[in-house]
Amino acid sequence: MQGPTSCLILTGVPRANRYFLPGKLYHLTHRCHDRQFLFKFALDRNRYRQIVWESLQRFAVEVFSYCLTSNHTHFLVRTEESEIISHWMQAVEGQFAQGYNRRKKRSGSFWEGRYHCTMIEPGQHLWQCMVYIELNMVRAGVVRHPEQWSWCSYQEWMGRRQRYVLTNKQACLGTLGNVELSSFREQYRRLIDETIAQDRCRRQPEWTESIAVGCEAFIATIRAATLGRRRFETERISGEAWVLRELP
């Protein structure tokens, strides 16, 4: 599987504007308030996942990958209606936060400000982003492999979790070029195993602090469609990879 010949990374400033376009892929990340470990108990992670599953029966959102950690969440999703993402996140996170505070007799914010949204180009970048999401708890040193963490999509993709499944396998496989599930599993497992074996699990901020990640043509399309009159600065960071920052 070959990577793109060139890549541009659009990186936003803290609390950067969020951009949504119909039919795009989005990597959504959100931390607990003040980076607290409010998801440290399995009961709370299970409850949150149940709320997400119920919400997917009402909202036209396709989940490709996810990981629930002890203090933040990751979702890679797609939707044909750009405004749905905000409504979906508000519904899920609001319902969970209210229930959590009631059960714990707690007051105050559960979530840390606004969630972040990064547009991801299909193809190679989609594969890479999914792998990055699955390896969250490996990166944190909690487990050696995502198969040991019950609250990530790896369990669902490998057929080890079959109740209340969040991932939309048909939609994801179609986006990847109508890949067969068996072929996907083999490739996915290999990519994850190689990344771990080669000690490449380090944090990569482009996936969580950017406006969009993709090849040069993809970034040009996103910029033309969303960024309009805003001002940016660019920086070459390595090889043919570039950073485009939104100026305050």
Protein backbone atom coordinates (compact mmCIF):
# COMPACT_ATOMS: atom_id res chain seq x y z
CA MET A 1 0.00 0.00 0.00
CA GLN A 2 1.69 3.17 -1.19
CA GLY A 3 1.37 6.59 0.40
CA PRO A 4 0.62 9.82 -1.46
CA THR A 5 3.39 11.59 -3.32
CA SER A 6 2.70 14.84 -1.47
CA CYS A 7 0.84 15.85 1.64
CA LEU A 8 -0.29 19.13 3.17
CA ILE A 9 -1.41 19.46 6.78
CA LEU A 10 -3.69 22.34 7.79
CA THR A 11 -3.13 23.12 11.44
CA GLY A 12 -5.42 25.34 13.47
CA VAL A 13 -4.61 27.56 16.42
CA PRO A 14 -6.12 26.71 19.83
CA ARG A 15 -9.92 26.82 19.68
CA ALA A 16 -9.62 27.10 15.90
CA ASN A 17 -12.72 27.42 13.79
CA ARG A 18 -14.40 24.15 12.84
CA TYR A 19 -15.21 23.53 9.20
CA PHE A 20 -17.78 21.07 7.90
CA LEU A 21 -18.47 19.99 4.32
CA PRO A 22 -21.05 17.42 3.17
CA GLY A 23 -19.76 13.89 2.65
CA LYS A 24 -16.35 14.46 4.26
CA LEU A 25 -14.57 12.40 6.90
CA TYR A 26 -13.99 13.97 10.30
CA HIS A 27 -11.71 13.04 13.16
CA LEU A 28 -13.42 14.36 16.29
CA THR A 29 -11.56 14.62 19.58
CA HIS A 30 -12.71 15.92 22.95
CA ARG A 31 -11.08 15.98 26.37
CA CYS A 32 -12.63 15.82 29.80
CA HIS A 33 -12.64 19.08 31.77
CA ASP A 34 -9.19 20.13 32.98
CA ARG A 35 -7.82 16.86 31.58
CA GLN A 36 -9.37 14.97 34.46
CA PHE A 37 -9.71 11.17 34.22
CA LEU A 38 -13.50 11.22 34.34
CA PHE A 39 -13.68 8.10 32.14
CA LYS A 40 -11.43 6.07 34.43
CA PHE A 41 -14.15 3.54 35.28
CA ALA A 42 -15.38 0.94 32.78
CA LEU A 43 -18.95 1.62 33.88
CA ASP A 44 -18.75 5.18 32.57
CA ARG A 45 -17.07 4.20 29.31
CA ASN A 46 -19.75 1.57 28.76
CA ARG A 47 -22.52 4.05 29.49
CA TYR A 48 -21.04 6.60 27.09
CA ARG A 49 -20.73 4.01 24.33
CA GLN A 50 -24.33 2.93 24.89
CA ILE A 51 -25.47 6.55 24.47
CA VAL A 52 -23.48 6.82 21.24
CA TRP A 53 -25.05 3.59 19.94
CA GLU A 54 -28.54 4.87 20.71
CA SER A 55 -27.77 8.20 19.04
CA LEU A 56 -26.72 6.49 15.81
CA GLN A 57 -30.28 5.21 15.46
CA ARG A 58 -31.43 8.86 15.23
CA PHE A 59 -28.56 10.69 13.53
CA ALA A 60 -27.26 9.95 10.02
CA VAL A 61 -23.65 9.62 11.17
CA GLU A 62 -21.35 6.78 10.07
CA VAL A 63 -18.63 5.80 12.54
CA PHE A 64 -15.50 4.32 10.98
CA SER A 65 -13.25 4.20 14.03
CA TYR A 66 -13.27 5.25 17.67
CA CYS A 67 -11.43 5.01 20.98
CA LEU A 68 -12.63 5.92 24.46
CA THR A 69 -9.72 6.61 26.79
CA SER A 70 -9.73 7.56 30.47
CA ASN A 71 -9.83 11.30 29.79
CA HIS A 72 -10.79 11.91 26.15
CA THR A 73 -12.59 10.45 23.15
CA HIS A 74 -11.80 9.90 19.47
CA PHE A 75 -14.29 9.33 16.65
CA LEU A 76 -13.69 9.11 12.92
CA VAL A 77 -17.03 9.72 11.23
CA ARG A 78 -18.69 10.66 7.97
CA THR A 79 -22.01 12.34 7.24
CA GLU A 80 -23.69 13.63 4.10
CA GLU A 81 -25.18 16.62 5.95
CA SER A 82 -22.49 18.85 7.42
CA GLU A 83 -24.66 20.40 10.14
CA ILE A 84 -25.44 16.98 11.66
CA ILE A 85 -22.03 16.62 13.33
CA SER A 86 -22.60 19.50 15.76
CA HIS A 87 -26.13 18.35 16.59
CA TRP A 88 -24.95 14.78 17.15
CA MET A 89 -22.03 15.76 19.38
CA GLN A 90 -24.19 18.13 21.40
CA ALA A 91 -26.85 15.46 21.95
CA VAL A 92 -24.41 12.68 22.93
CA GLU A 93 -22.12 14.72 25.14
CA GLY A 94 -24.92 16.68 26.77
CA GLN A 95 -26.88 13.56 27.67
CA PHE A 96 -23.85 11.78 29.09
CA ALA A 97 -22.58 14.79 31.07
CA GLN A 98 -25.97 15.39 32.68
CA GLY A 99 -26.35 11.75 33.67
CA TYR A 100 -22.78 11.56 34.96
CA ASN A 101 -23.20 14.65 37.15
CA ARG A 102 -26.47 13.35 38.57
CA ARG A 103 -25.00 9.94 39.45
CA LYS A 104 -21.84 11.41 40.98
CA LYS A 105 -23.67 14.30 42.67
CA ARG A 106 -21.26 16.52 40.79
CA SER A 107 -21.59 20.03 39.37
CA GLY A 108 -19.60 21.82 36.71
CA SER A 109 -18.38 21.01 33.23
CA PHE A 110 -17.62 17.48 32.14
CA TRP A 111 -16.01 18.45 28.82
CA GLU A 112 -13.05 20.72 28.16
CA GLY A 113 -14.39 23.56 26.01
CA ARG A 114 -15.09 22.73 22.37
CA TYR A 115 -14.33 19.47 20.65
CA HIS A 116 -11.81 19.55 17.79
CA CYS A 117 -12.62 18.52 14.23
CA THR A 118 -10.07 17.52 11.55
CA MET A 119 -11.10 16.66 7.99
CA ILE A 120 -9.38 13.52 6.69
CA GLU A 121 -8.80 12.61 3.05
CA PRO A 122 -10.05 9.13 2.05
CA GLY A 123 -7.54 6.50 1.01
CA GLN A 124 -4.10 6.34 2.61
CA HIS A 125 -4.83 9.10 5.09
CA LEU A 126 -7.98 7.33 6.23
CA TRP A 127 -6.01 4.15 6.93
CA GLN A 128 -3.39 6.11 8.86
CA CYS A 129 -5.91 8.03 10.93
CA MET A 130 -7.78 4.86 11.88
CA VAL A 131 -4.55 3.20 12.99
CA TYR A 132 -3.60 6.30 14.98
CA ILE A 133 -6.95 6.23 16.79
CA GLU A 134 -6.70 2.52 17.63
CA LEU A 135 -3.23 2.97 19.15
CA ASN A 136 -4.25 5.58 21.72
CA MET A 137 -3.98 3.33 24.75
CA VAL A 138 -0.79 1.73 23.42
CA ARG A 139 0.68 5.23 23.16
CA ALA A 140 -0.42 5.88 26.76
CA GLY A 141 1.35 2.71 27.94
CA VAL A 142 -1.87 1.16 29.26
CA VAL A 143 -1.89 -1.84 26.88
CA ARG A 144 0.57 -3.39 24.44
CA HIS A 145 -1.97 -3.86 21.66
CA PRO A 146 -5.47 -2.45 20.93
CA GLU A 147 -6.88 -5.96 21.17
CA GLN A 148 -6.35 -5.59 24.93
CA TRP A 149 -8.50 -2.44 25.17
CA SER A 150 -12.24 -3.11 25.07
CA TRP A 151 -13.28 0.46 24.26
CA CYS A 152 -11.93 0.91 20.75
CA SER A 153 -13.14 -0.06 17.29
CA TYR A 154 -10.42 -2.70 16.80
CA GLN A 155 -12.58 -5.15 18.74
CA GLU A 156 -15.48 -4.53 16.36
CA TRP A 157 -13.46 -4.68 13.16
CA MET A 158 -11.96 -8.02 14.18
CA GLY A 159 -15.37 -9.45 15.05
CA ARG A 160 -14.67 -9.71 18.77
CA ARG A 161 -17.44 -7.31 19.74
CA GLN A 162 -20.81 -7.92 18.11
CA ARG A 163 -23.36 -6.27 20.43
CA TYR A 164 -24.12 -2.56 20.25
CA VAL A 165 -21.55 -2.11 17.49
CA LEU A 166 -20.76 1.51 16.60
CA THR A 167 -18.71 1.04 13.43
CA ASN A 168 -20.44 1.17 10.08
CA LYS A 169 -18.34 -1.43 8.30
CA GLN A 170 -20.17 -1.30 4.99
CA ALA A 171 -19.75 2.47 4.68
CA CYS A 172 -16.08 2.38 5.64
CA LEU A 173 -15.20 -0.50 3.32
CA GLY A 174 -16.98 1.30 0.50
CA THR A 175 -15.01 4.48 1.16
CA LEU A 176 -11.80 2.45 1.00
CA GLY A 177 -12.70 1.18 -2.47
CA ASN A 178 -15.14 -1.62 -1.68
CA VAL A 179 -12.52 -3.65 0.16
CA GLU A 180 -13.60 -7.10 1.35
CA LEU A 181 -13.92 -7.38 5.12
CA SER A 182 -11.43 -10.26 5.30
CA SER A 183 -8.90 -8.28 3.28
CA PHE A 184 -9.46 -5.20 5.43
CA ARG A 185 -8.90 -7.17 8.63
CA GLU A 186 -5.65 -8.63 7.34
CA GLN A 187 -4.36 -5.22 6.22
CA TYR A 188 -5.53 -3.44 9.36
CA ARG A 189 -3.93 -5.97 11.68
CA ARG A 190 -0.69 -5.82 9.73
CA LEU A 191 -0.53 -2.01 9.79
CA ILE A 192 -1.17 -1.89 13.53
CA ASP A 193 1.30 -4.68 14.32
CA GLU A 194 3.99 -3.04 12.18
CA THR A 195 3.45 0.36 13.77
CA ILE A 196 3.85 -1.15 17.23
CA ALA A 197 6.85 -3.29 16.27
CA GLN A 198 8.62 -0.31 14.70
CA ASP A 199 7.91 1.87 17.76
CA ARG A 200 5.98 4.45 15.72
CA CYS A 201 3.10 4.92 18.18
CA ARG A 202 4.17 8.42 19.18
CA ARG A 203 1.70 11.28 19.25
CA GLN A 204 1.20 13.00 15.87
CA PRO A 205 -0.51 16.37 16.43
CA GLU A 206 -1.62 16.71 12.81
CA TRP A 207 -4.45 14.25 13.47
CA THR A 208 -5.83 16.19 16.45
CA GLU A 209 -4.84 19.84 15.99
CA SER A 210 -5.47 20.41 12.29
CA ILE A 211 -8.23 21.70 10.07
CA ALA A 212 -7.55 19.02 7.48
CA VAL A 213 -5.02 16.32 6.57
CA GLY A 214 -4.50 15.08 3.04
CA CYS A 215 -2.59 15.42 -0.21
CA GLU A 216 -2.02 18.82 -1.80
CA ALA A 217 -5.00 18.59 -4.15
CA PHE A 218 -7.35 17.61 -1.32
CA ILE A 219 -6.15 20.50 0.85
CA ALA A 220 -6.57 22.95 -2.03
CA THR A 221 -10.16 21.80 -2.45
CA ILE A 222 -10.91 22.17 1.26
CA ARG A 223 -9.29 25.58 1.38
CA ALA A 224 -11.25 26.86 -1.61
CA ALA A 225 -14.52 25.53 -0.20
CA THR A 226 -14.22 26.66 3.41
CA LEU A 227 -11.52 29.12 4.23
CA GLY A 228 -12.55 32.07 2.08
CA ARG A 229 -11.28 35.35 3.42
CA ARG A 230 -9.31 34.01 6.37
CA ARG A 231 -5.53 34.53 6.57
CA PHE A 232 -3.03 31.69 6.83
CA GLU A 233 0.67 31.00 7.04
CA THR A 234 2.41 27.94 5.61
CA GLU A 235 5.48 26.05 6.72
CA ARG A 236 7.27 23.07 5.26
CA ILE A 237 7.84 20.64 8.13
CA SER A 238 9.41 17.59 6.44
CA GLY A 239 9.85 16.25 2.94
CA GLU A 240 6.77 17.23 1.02
CA ALA A 241 4.64 17.74 4.14
CA TRP A 242 3.43 21.26 4.80
CA VAL A 243 1.62 23.05 7.62
CA LEU A 244 -1.00 25.69 6.94
CA ARG A 245 -1.90 27.63 10.07
CA GLU A 246 -4.91 29.85 10.56
CA LEU A 247 -3.74 33.21 11.88
CA PRO A 248 -5.58 34.60 14.91
